[in-house]
Amino acid sequence: MRVSKDTVVSLRYRLSTEQGSLIEDSRQPLVYLHGGYANILPKIELAMEGRARGYQTRLLLAATDAFGEHDPALVRTVARSSLPAGTKLGGQLRSADTDAPHPTVYKVSAVEGEQVVLDANHPLAGQAVQFDLTVLDIRPASEEEIAHGHVHGAHGHHH
């Protein structure tokens, strides 16, 4: 079987900086529904198209093709007094916007006296990264997975 639209693909990956310093090594397979469902970075999905089990590749992705450019609009400065007690540099806070489908996660990137800088950019935004990928398995997606637009079951989404 080959990777094509409406197949479930299991990948082993190693994520590194552009210079090769390891960022993350997958312990569990990354499993996604292939075919334009936005479940994986588009350049990775493109590289997997038509591949078979055992295929290995190394992809160097520019920031725009990986986790995006750093967006200054996602950085805000707020009064320390407006944040929960115990907020520390490097910590994370979730937005309280109940109308949003997913809460915004902010990293506390600086504490400057009574001001705190919150950054909602992905931690790897603005960086080129390297993915070493191995196709571990490929299977047809179920009708339910196709209808929902994501993988169910082992290493996938559970309802």
N, C-alpha and C. Protein backbone atom coordinates (compact mmCIF):
# COMPACT_ATOMS: atom_id res chain seq x y z
N MET A 1 0.84 -1.18 0.00
CA MET A 1 0.00 0.00 0.00
C MET A 1 0.89 1.24 0.00
N ARG A 2 0.41 2.28 -0.65
CA ARG A 2 1.14 3.54 -0.73
C ARG A 2 0.33 4.64 -0.08
N VAL A 3 1.04 5.66 0.38
CA VAL A 3 0.39 6.82 0.98
C VAL A 3 -0.40 7.55 -0.10
N SER A 4 -1.68 7.74 0.14
CA SER A 4 -2.54 8.46 -0.79
C SER A 4 -3.72 9.04 0.00
N LYS A 5 -4.57 9.78 -0.68
CA LYS A 5 -5.72 10.39 -0.01
C LYS A 5 -6.51 9.33 0.74
N ASP A 6 -6.92 9.69 1.95
CA ASP A 6 -7.74 8.84 2.81
C ASP A 6 -7.02 7.58 3.29
N THR A 7 -5.70 7.70 3.48
CA THR A 7 -4.96 6.64 4.16
C THR A 7 -4.49 7.19 5.51
N VAL A 8 -4.33 6.28 6.45
CA VAL A 8 -3.79 6.63 7.76
C VAL A 8 -2.32 6.26 7.75
N VAL A 9 -1.48 7.24 8.04
CA VAL A 9 -0.03 7.06 7.96
C VAL A 9 0.56 7.17 9.36
N SER A 10 1.42 6.20 9.70
CA SER A 10 2.16 6.22 10.96
C SER A 10 3.62 6.55 10.65
N LEU A 11 4.13 7.58 11.29
CA LEU A 11 5.50 8.04 11.06
C LEU A 11 6.31 8.03 12.35
N ARG A 12 7.57 7.68 12.22
CA ARG A 12 8.54 7.94 13.28
C ARG A 12 9.25 9.21 12.84
N TYR A 13 9.49 10.11 13.78
CA TYR A 13 10.17 11.34 13.40
C TYR A 13 11.20 11.76 14.43
N ARG A 14 12.17 12.49 13.94
CA ARG A 14 13.13 13.21 14.76
C ARG A 14 13.08 14.66 14.27
N LEU A 15 12.88 15.56 15.20
CA LEU A 15 12.83 16.98 14.88
C LEU A 15 14.10 17.62 15.42
N SER A 16 14.80 18.34 14.55
CA SER A 16 16.07 18.97 14.92
C SER A 16 16.09 20.41 14.43
N THR A 17 17.02 21.17 14.98
CA THR A 17 17.26 22.51 14.45
C THR A 17 17.86 22.36 13.06
N GLU A 18 17.95 23.46 12.36
CA GLU A 18 18.56 23.46 11.02
C GLU A 18 20.00 22.95 11.09
N GLN A 19 20.67 23.19 12.21
CA GLN A 19 22.07 22.76 12.38
C GLN A 19 22.18 21.31 12.86
N GLY A 20 21.06 20.66 13.16
CA GLY A 20 21.08 19.26 13.55
C GLY A 20 20.97 18.97 15.03
N SER A 21 20.79 19.98 15.87
CA SER A 21 20.61 19.74 17.31
C SER A 21 19.21 19.19 17.56
N LEU A 22 19.14 18.05 18.24
CA LEU A 22 17.87 17.37 18.48
C LEU A 22 16.93 18.21 19.33
N ILE A 23 15.68 18.33 18.88
CA ILE A 23 14.63 19.01 19.63
C ILE A 23 13.69 17.96 20.22
N GLU A 24 13.29 16.99 19.38
CA GLU A 24 12.34 15.97 19.83
C GLU A 24 12.54 14.69 19.02
N ASP A 25 12.43 13.57 19.70
CA ASP A 25 12.51 12.25 19.07
C ASP A 25 11.24 11.51 19.45
N SER A 26 10.45 11.13 18.46
CA SER A 26 9.15 10.52 18.76
C SER A 26 9.32 9.19 19.48
N ARG A 27 8.61 9.04 20.58
CA ARG A 27 8.57 7.76 21.28
C ARG A 27 7.39 6.95 20.77
N GLN A 28 6.30 7.63 20.51
CA GLN A 28 5.11 7.02 19.93
C GLN A 28 5.03 7.48 18.47
N PRO A 29 4.51 6.65 17.59
CA PRO A 29 4.38 7.09 16.20
C PRO A 29 3.46 8.31 16.08
N LEU A 30 3.75 9.14 15.13
CA LEU A 30 2.86 10.23 14.74
C LEU A 30 1.92 9.62 13.71
N VAL A 31 0.63 9.66 13.97
CA VAL A 31 -0.35 9.04 13.09
C VAL A 31 -1.29 10.13 12.58
N TYR A 32 -1.45 10.20 11.27
CA TYR A 32 -2.30 11.25 10.71
C TYR A 32 -3.11 10.73 9.53
N LEU A 33 -4.20 11.42 9.23
CA LEU A 33 -5.04 11.13 8.07
C LEU A 33 -4.52 11.94 6.90
N HIS A 34 -4.08 11.24 5.86
CA HIS A 34 -3.44 11.87 4.71
C HIS A 34 -4.50 12.33 3.70
N GLY A 35 -4.23 13.46 3.06
CA GLY A 35 -5.08 13.89 1.96
C GLY A 35 -5.72 15.24 2.12
N GLY A 36 -5.02 16.19 2.73
CA GLY A 36 -5.55 17.55 2.80
C GLY A 36 -6.44 17.84 3.98
N TYR A 37 -6.29 17.09 5.07
CA TYR A 37 -7.11 17.31 6.26
C TYR A 37 -6.45 18.23 7.28
N ALA A 38 -5.29 18.77 6.95
CA ALA A 38 -4.55 19.71 7.82
C ALA A 38 -4.18 19.07 9.15
N ASN A 39 -3.82 17.79 9.12
CA ASN A 39 -3.41 17.08 10.32
C ASN A 39 -1.89 17.01 10.48
N ILE A 40 -1.17 17.51 9.50
CA ILE A 40 0.29 17.49 9.52
C ILE A 40 0.77 18.66 8.68
N LEU A 41 2.01 19.05 8.85
CA LEU A 41 2.54 20.16 8.06
C LEU A 41 2.42 19.83 6.57
N PRO A 42 1.95 20.78 5.75
CA PRO A 42 1.74 20.51 4.32
C PRO A 42 2.96 19.97 3.59
N LYS A 43 4.15 20.48 3.89
CA LYS A 43 5.36 19.99 3.20
C LYS A 43 5.66 18.54 3.56
N ILE A 44 5.35 18.13 4.78
CA ILE A 44 5.53 16.73 5.15
C ILE A 44 4.52 15.88 4.40
N GLU A 45 3.27 16.33 4.37
CA GLU A 45 2.25 15.56 3.65
C GLU A 45 2.63 15.41 2.18
N LEU A 46 3.10 16.46 1.56
CA LEU A 46 3.53 16.41 0.16
C LEU A 46 4.66 15.40 -0.03
N ALA A 47 5.62 15.40 0.89
CA ALA A 47 6.76 14.48 0.79
C ALA A 47 6.34 13.02 0.98
N MET A 48 5.24 12.78 1.68
CA MET A 48 4.79 11.40 1.95
C MET A 48 3.94 10.83 0.80
N GLU A 49 3.39 11.69 -0.02
CA GLU A 49 2.50 11.24 -1.10
C GLU A 49 3.17 10.18 -1.96
N GLY A 50 2.50 9.03 -2.12
CA GLY A 50 2.98 7.96 -2.98
C GLY A 50 4.05 7.06 -2.38
N ARG A 51 4.44 7.33 -1.14
CA ARG A 51 5.51 6.56 -0.50
C ARG A 51 4.96 5.26 0.11
N ALA A 52 5.86 4.31 0.35
CA ALA A 52 5.49 3.01 0.90
C ALA A 52 6.10 2.85 2.30
N ARG A 53 5.64 1.82 3.00
CA ARG A 53 6.19 1.50 4.32
C ARG A 53 7.71 1.35 4.21
N GLY A 54 8.42 1.91 5.19
CA GLY A 54 9.87 1.84 5.20
C GLY A 54 10.56 3.04 4.58
N TYR A 55 9.81 3.88 3.86
CA TYR A 55 10.40 5.06 3.24
C TYR A 55 11.00 5.97 4.31
N GLN A 56 12.20 6.48 4.05
CA GLN A 56 12.88 7.40 4.96
C GLN A 56 13.30 8.64 4.20
N THR A 57 13.21 9.77 4.86
CA THR A 57 13.64 11.02 4.24
C THR A 57 14.04 12.02 5.31
N ARG A 58 14.78 13.00 4.89
CA ARG A 58 15.13 14.15 5.74
C ARG A 58 14.62 15.39 5.02
N LEU A 59 13.82 16.18 5.71
CA LEU A 59 13.27 17.40 5.15
C LEU A 59 13.77 18.60 5.95
N LEU A 60 14.29 19.58 5.26
CA LEU A 60 14.65 20.85 5.90
C LEU A 60 13.54 21.83 5.53
N LEU A 61 12.83 22.30 6.55
CA LEU A 61 11.70 23.20 6.32
C LEU A 61 12.03 24.61 6.79
N ALA A 62 11.78 25.57 5.93
CA ALA A 62 11.90 26.97 6.33
C ALA A 62 10.84 27.28 7.38
N ALA A 63 11.03 28.32 8.14
CA ALA A 63 10.08 28.69 9.19
C ALA A 63 8.66 28.80 8.65
N THR A 64 8.49 29.38 7.46
CA THR A 64 7.15 29.55 6.90
C THR A 64 6.48 28.21 6.59
N ASP A 65 7.27 27.17 6.34
CA ASP A 65 6.73 25.85 6.03
C ASP A 65 6.65 24.96 7.27
N ALA A 66 7.19 25.43 8.39
CA ALA A 66 7.20 24.63 9.61
C ALA A 66 6.20 25.23 10.61
N PHE A 67 6.68 26.01 11.54
CA PHE A 67 5.83 26.53 12.60
C PHE A 67 5.53 28.01 12.45
N GLY A 68 5.80 28.55 11.26
CA GLY A 68 5.47 29.93 10.95
C GLY A 68 6.54 30.92 11.37
N GLU A 69 6.42 32.10 10.84
CA GLU A 69 7.30 33.19 11.24
C GLU A 69 6.85 33.71 12.59
N HIS A 70 7.75 34.30 13.32
CA HIS A 70 7.40 34.92 14.59
C HIS A 70 6.50 36.12 14.30
N ASP A 71 5.33 36.16 14.91
CA ASP A 71 4.35 37.22 14.67
C ASP A 71 4.30 38.15 15.88
N PRO A 72 4.80 39.38 15.73
CA PRO A 72 4.79 40.32 16.85
C PRO A 72 3.38 40.60 17.38
N ALA A 73 2.35 40.43 16.56
CA ALA A 73 0.98 40.67 17.00
C ALA A 73 0.52 39.65 18.05
N LEU A 74 1.26 38.54 18.17
CA LEU A 74 0.91 37.52 19.16
C LEU A 74 1.65 37.72 20.49
N VAL A 75 2.34 38.84 20.62
CA VAL A 75 3.07 39.17 21.84
C VAL A 75 2.36 40.34 22.51
N ARG A 76 2.07 40.18 23.80
CA ARG A 76 1.41 41.26 24.54
C ARG A 76 2.11 41.49 25.87
N THR A 77 2.03 42.70 26.32
CA THR A 77 2.56 43.06 27.63
C THR A 77 1.38 43.40 28.52
N VAL A 78 1.34 42.77 29.70
CA VAL A 78 0.23 42.99 30.63
C VAL A 78 0.78 43.30 32.01
N ALA A 79 -0.06 43.86 32.85
CA ALA A 79 0.32 44.13 34.23
C ALA A 79 0.43 42.81 34.99
N ARG A 80 1.48 42.68 35.75
CA ARG A 80 1.69 41.46 36.56
C ARG A 80 0.49 41.21 37.47
N SER A 81 -0.12 42.27 37.97
CA SER A 81 -1.25 42.15 38.90
C SER A 81 -2.48 41.52 38.25
N SER A 82 -2.53 41.51 36.90
CA SER A 82 -3.69 40.93 36.20
C SER A 82 -3.56 39.42 35.99
N LEU A 83 -2.42 38.86 36.40
CA LEU A 83 -2.16 37.44 36.18
C LEU A 83 -2.29 36.66 37.48
N PRO A 84 -2.50 35.34 37.38
CA PRO A 84 -2.61 34.54 38.60
C PRO A 84 -1.32 34.59 39.43
N ALA A 85 -1.48 34.48 40.74
CA ALA A 85 -0.33 34.43 41.63
C ALA A 85 0.54 33.24 41.23
N GLY A 86 1.84 33.42 41.34
CA GLY A 86 2.76 32.32 41.01
C GLY A 86 3.16 32.26 39.55
N THR A 87 2.68 33.19 38.73
CA THR A 87 3.08 33.22 37.32
C THR A 87 4.58 33.47 37.24
N LYS A 88 5.28 32.59 36.51
CA LYS A 88 6.74 32.66 36.46
C LYS A 88 7.23 32.70 35.02
N LEU A 89 8.44 33.19 34.84
CA LEU A 89 9.11 33.20 33.56
C LEU A 89 9.17 31.77 33.02
N GLY A 90 8.78 31.58 31.76
CA GLY A 90 8.77 30.26 31.14
C GLY A 90 7.48 29.51 31.33
N GLY A 91 6.62 29.99 32.23
CA GLY A 91 5.33 29.33 32.47
C GLY A 91 4.36 29.57 31.32
N GLN A 92 3.25 28.86 31.37
CA GLN A 92 2.23 29.01 30.34
C GLN A 92 0.90 29.40 30.98
N LEU A 93 0.15 30.20 30.24
CA LEU A 93 -1.19 30.61 30.64
C LEU A 93 -2.13 30.40 29.48
N ARG A 94 -3.35 30.02 29.76
CA ARG A 94 -4.37 29.88 28.73
C ARG A 94 -5.31 31.07 28.81
N SER A 95 -5.77 31.52 27.63
CA SER A 95 -6.70 32.64 27.59
C SER A 95 -8.03 32.21 28.20
N ALA A 96 -8.75 33.18 28.70
CA ALA A 96 -10.05 32.90 29.30
C ALA A 96 -11.18 33.17 28.31
N ASP A 97 -10.86 33.30 27.03
CA ASP A 97 -11.87 33.58 26.00
C ASP A 97 -12.72 32.34 25.76
N THR A 98 -13.92 32.35 26.27
CA THR A 98 -14.79 31.18 26.17
C THR A 98 -15.47 31.09 24.80
N ASP A 99 -15.40 32.14 23.98
CA ASP A 99 -16.00 32.10 22.65
C ASP A 99 -15.08 31.44 21.62
N ALA A 100 -13.80 31.36 21.92
CA ALA A 100 -12.84 30.77 20.98
C ALA A 100 -12.96 29.25 21.01
N PRO A 101 -12.84 28.58 19.84
CA PRO A 101 -12.93 27.12 19.82
C PRO A 101 -11.78 26.45 20.58
N HIS A 102 -10.61 27.08 20.59
CA HIS A 102 -9.45 26.57 21.31
C HIS A 102 -8.85 27.74 22.08
N PRO A 103 -8.50 27.54 23.34
CA PRO A 103 -7.89 28.64 24.08
C PRO A 103 -6.51 28.98 23.53
N THR A 104 -6.15 30.23 23.60
CA THR A 104 -4.82 30.65 23.21
C THR A 104 -3.87 30.36 24.37
N VAL A 105 -2.74 29.75 24.05
CA VAL A 105 -1.73 29.45 25.06
C VAL A 105 -0.62 30.48 24.93
N TYR A 106 -0.34 31.15 26.04
CA TYR A 106 0.72 32.15 26.08
C TYR A 106 1.87 31.63 26.93
N LYS A 107 3.08 31.86 26.47
CA LYS A 107 4.27 31.57 27.26
C LYS A 107 4.71 32.88 27.91
N VAL A 108 5.06 32.81 29.17
CA VAL A 108 5.59 33.99 29.86
C VAL A 108 7.04 34.12 29.40
N SER A 109 7.30 35.08 28.51
CA SER A 109 8.63 35.19 27.90
C SER A 109 9.53 36.21 28.59
N ALA A 110 8.94 37.10 29.39
CA ALA A 110 9.75 38.08 30.13
C ALA A 110 8.94 38.63 31.30
N VAL A 111 9.63 38.91 32.38
CA VAL A 111 9.04 39.60 33.52
C VAL A 111 9.92 40.81 33.77
N GLU A 112 9.32 41.98 33.58
CA GLU A 112 10.06 43.24 33.69
C GLU A 112 9.38 44.11 34.73
N GLY A 113 9.77 43.94 35.99
CA GLY A 113 9.15 44.70 37.08
C GLY A 113 7.69 44.30 37.21
N GLU A 114 6.82 45.26 37.04
CA GLU A 114 5.37 45.00 37.16
C GLU A 114 4.72 44.63 35.83
N GLN A 115 5.53 44.49 34.78
CA GLN A 115 5.03 44.14 33.46
C GLN A 115 5.47 42.72 33.10
N VAL A 116 4.58 41.98 32.45
CA VAL A 116 4.87 40.61 32.02
C VAL A 116 4.62 40.53 30.52
N VAL A 117 5.56 39.92 29.79
CA VAL A 117 5.43 39.75 28.35
C VAL A 117 4.92 38.34 28.09
N LEU A 118 3.79 38.25 27.38
CA LEU A 118 3.17 36.98 27.02
C LEU A 118 3.30 36.79 25.52
N ASP A 119 3.67 35.58 25.11
CA ASP A 119 3.92 35.29 23.69
C ASP A 119 3.11 34.06 23.28
N ALA A 120 2.21 34.23 22.31
CA ALA A 120 1.39 33.12 21.83
C ALA A 120 1.96 32.46 20.57
N ASN A 121 3.14 32.86 20.14
CA ASN A 121 3.78 32.20 19.01
C ASN A 121 4.18 30.79 19.40
N HIS A 122 4.22 29.88 18.42
CA HIS A 122 4.74 28.55 18.67
C HIS A 122 6.20 28.71 19.11
N PRO A 123 6.67 27.88 20.05
CA PRO A 123 8.06 28.02 20.52
C PRO A 123 9.10 27.93 19.40
N LEU A 124 8.78 27.27 18.29
CA LEU A 124 9.73 27.16 17.18
C LEU A 124 9.43 28.13 16.04
N ALA A 125 8.51 29.08 16.26
CA ALA A 125 8.20 30.08 15.24
C ALA A 125 9.46 30.84 14.87
N GLY A 126 9.63 31.09 13.59
CA GLY A 126 10.78 31.85 13.11
C GLY A 126 12.02 31.02 12.86
N GLN A 127 11.93 29.71 13.09
CA GLN A 127 13.11 28.85 12.95
C GLN A 127 12.92 27.84 11.82
N ALA A 128 13.96 27.64 11.04
CA ALA A 128 13.98 26.51 10.10
C ALA A 128 14.24 25.26 10.93
N VAL A 129 13.60 24.16 10.55
CA VAL A 129 13.77 22.90 11.29
C VAL A 129 13.98 21.76 10.31
N GLN A 130 14.51 20.68 10.85
CA GLN A 130 14.78 19.48 10.05
C GLN A 130 13.96 18.33 10.63
N PHE A 131 13.28 17.60 9.76
CA PHE A 131 12.55 16.40 10.15
C PHE A 131 13.19 15.19 9.49
N ASP A 132 13.53 14.19 10.28
CA ASP A 132 13.92 12.88 9.77
C ASP A 132 12.69 12.00 9.96
N LEU A 133 12.19 11.45 8.87
CA LEU A 133 10.91 10.72 8.88
C LEU A 133 11.07 9.31 8.35
N THR A 134 10.34 8.38 8.98
CA THR A 134 10.27 7.01 8.50
C THR A 134 8.81 6.59 8.50
N VAL A 135 8.33 6.08 7.36
CA VAL A 135 6.96 5.57 7.28
C VAL A 135 6.94 4.19 7.93
N LEU A 136 6.19 4.09 9.03
CA LEU A 136 6.09 2.83 9.77
C LEU A 136 4.94 1.96 9.28
N ASP A 137 3.82 2.60 8.94
CA ASP A 137 2.64 1.84 8.55
C ASP A 137 1.71 2.73 7.74
N ILE A 138 0.90 2.07 6.91
CA ILE A 138 -0.11 2.74 6.10
C ILE A 138 -1.33 1.83 6.09
N ARG A 139 -2.50 2.40 6.28
CA ARG A 139 -3.74 1.62 6.19
C ARG A 139 -4.84 2.49 5.63
N PRO A 140 -5.88 1.87 5.07
CA PRO A 140 -7.01 2.67 4.62
C PRO A 140 -7.71 3.31 5.81
N ALA A 141 -8.16 4.53 5.67
CA ALA A 141 -8.92 5.20 6.72
C ALA A 141 -10.34 4.64 6.74
N SER A 142 -10.93 4.63 7.91
CA SER A 142 -12.33 4.21 8.02
C SER A 142 -13.24 5.34 7.52
N GLU A 143 -14.47 5.01 7.23
CA GLU A 143 -15.44 6.04 6.81
C GLU A 143 -15.62 7.08 7.89
N GLU A 144 -15.62 6.64 9.15
CA GLU A 144 -15.79 7.56 10.27
C GLU A 144 -14.59 8.52 10.36
N GLU A 145 -13.37 8.01 10.18
CA GLU A 145 -12.19 8.87 10.21
C GLU A 145 -12.24 9.90 9.09
N ILE A 146 -12.65 9.48 7.91
CA ILE A 146 -12.76 10.40 6.78
C ILE A 146 -13.82 11.46 7.07
N ALA A 147 -14.96 11.04 7.60
CA ALA A 147 -16.04 11.98 7.92
C ALA A 147 -15.62 12.99 8.98
N HIS A 148 -14.85 12.53 9.96
CA HIS A 148 -14.40 13.41 11.05
C HIS A 148 -13.13 14.19 10.70
N GLY A 149 -12.40 13.73 9.67
CA GLY A 149 -11.20 14.43 9.24
C GLY A 149 -9.97 14.19 10.09
N HIS A 150 -10.00 13.11 10.90
CA HIS A 150 -8.83 12.76 11.71
C HIS A 150 -8.85 11.29 12.08
N VAL A 151 -7.71 10.79 12.56
CA VAL A 151 -7.55 9.38 12.90
C VAL A 151 -8.22 9.07 14.23
N HIS A 152 -8.81 7.91 14.32
CA HIS A 152 -9.36 7.40 15.58
C HIS A 152 -8.55 6.19 16.01
N GLY A 153 -8.66 5.81 17.26
CA GLY A 153 -8.02 4.57 17.73
C GLY A 153 -6.60 4.77 18.20
N ALA A 154 -5.85 3.67 18.18
CA ALA A 154 -4.48 3.69 18.71
C ALA A 154 -3.67 4.83 18.11
N HIS A 155 -3.08 5.65 18.97
CA HIS A 155 -2.23 6.79 18.62
C HIS A 155 -2.97 7.89 17.88
N GLY A 156 -4.29 7.77 17.76
CA GLY A 156 -5.08 8.81 17.12
C GLY A 156 -6.05 9.42 18.11
N HIS A 157 -7.08 10.04 17.62
CA HIS A 157 -8.07 10.72 18.44
C HIS A 157 -9.10 9.70 18.94
N HIS A 158 -9.53 9.86 20.16
CA HIS A 158 -10.57 9.00 20.73
C HIS A 158 -11.79 9.85 21.03
N HIS A 159 -12.96 9.32 20.76
CA HIS A 159 -14.22 10.04 21.10
C HIS A 159 -14.83 9.41 22.31
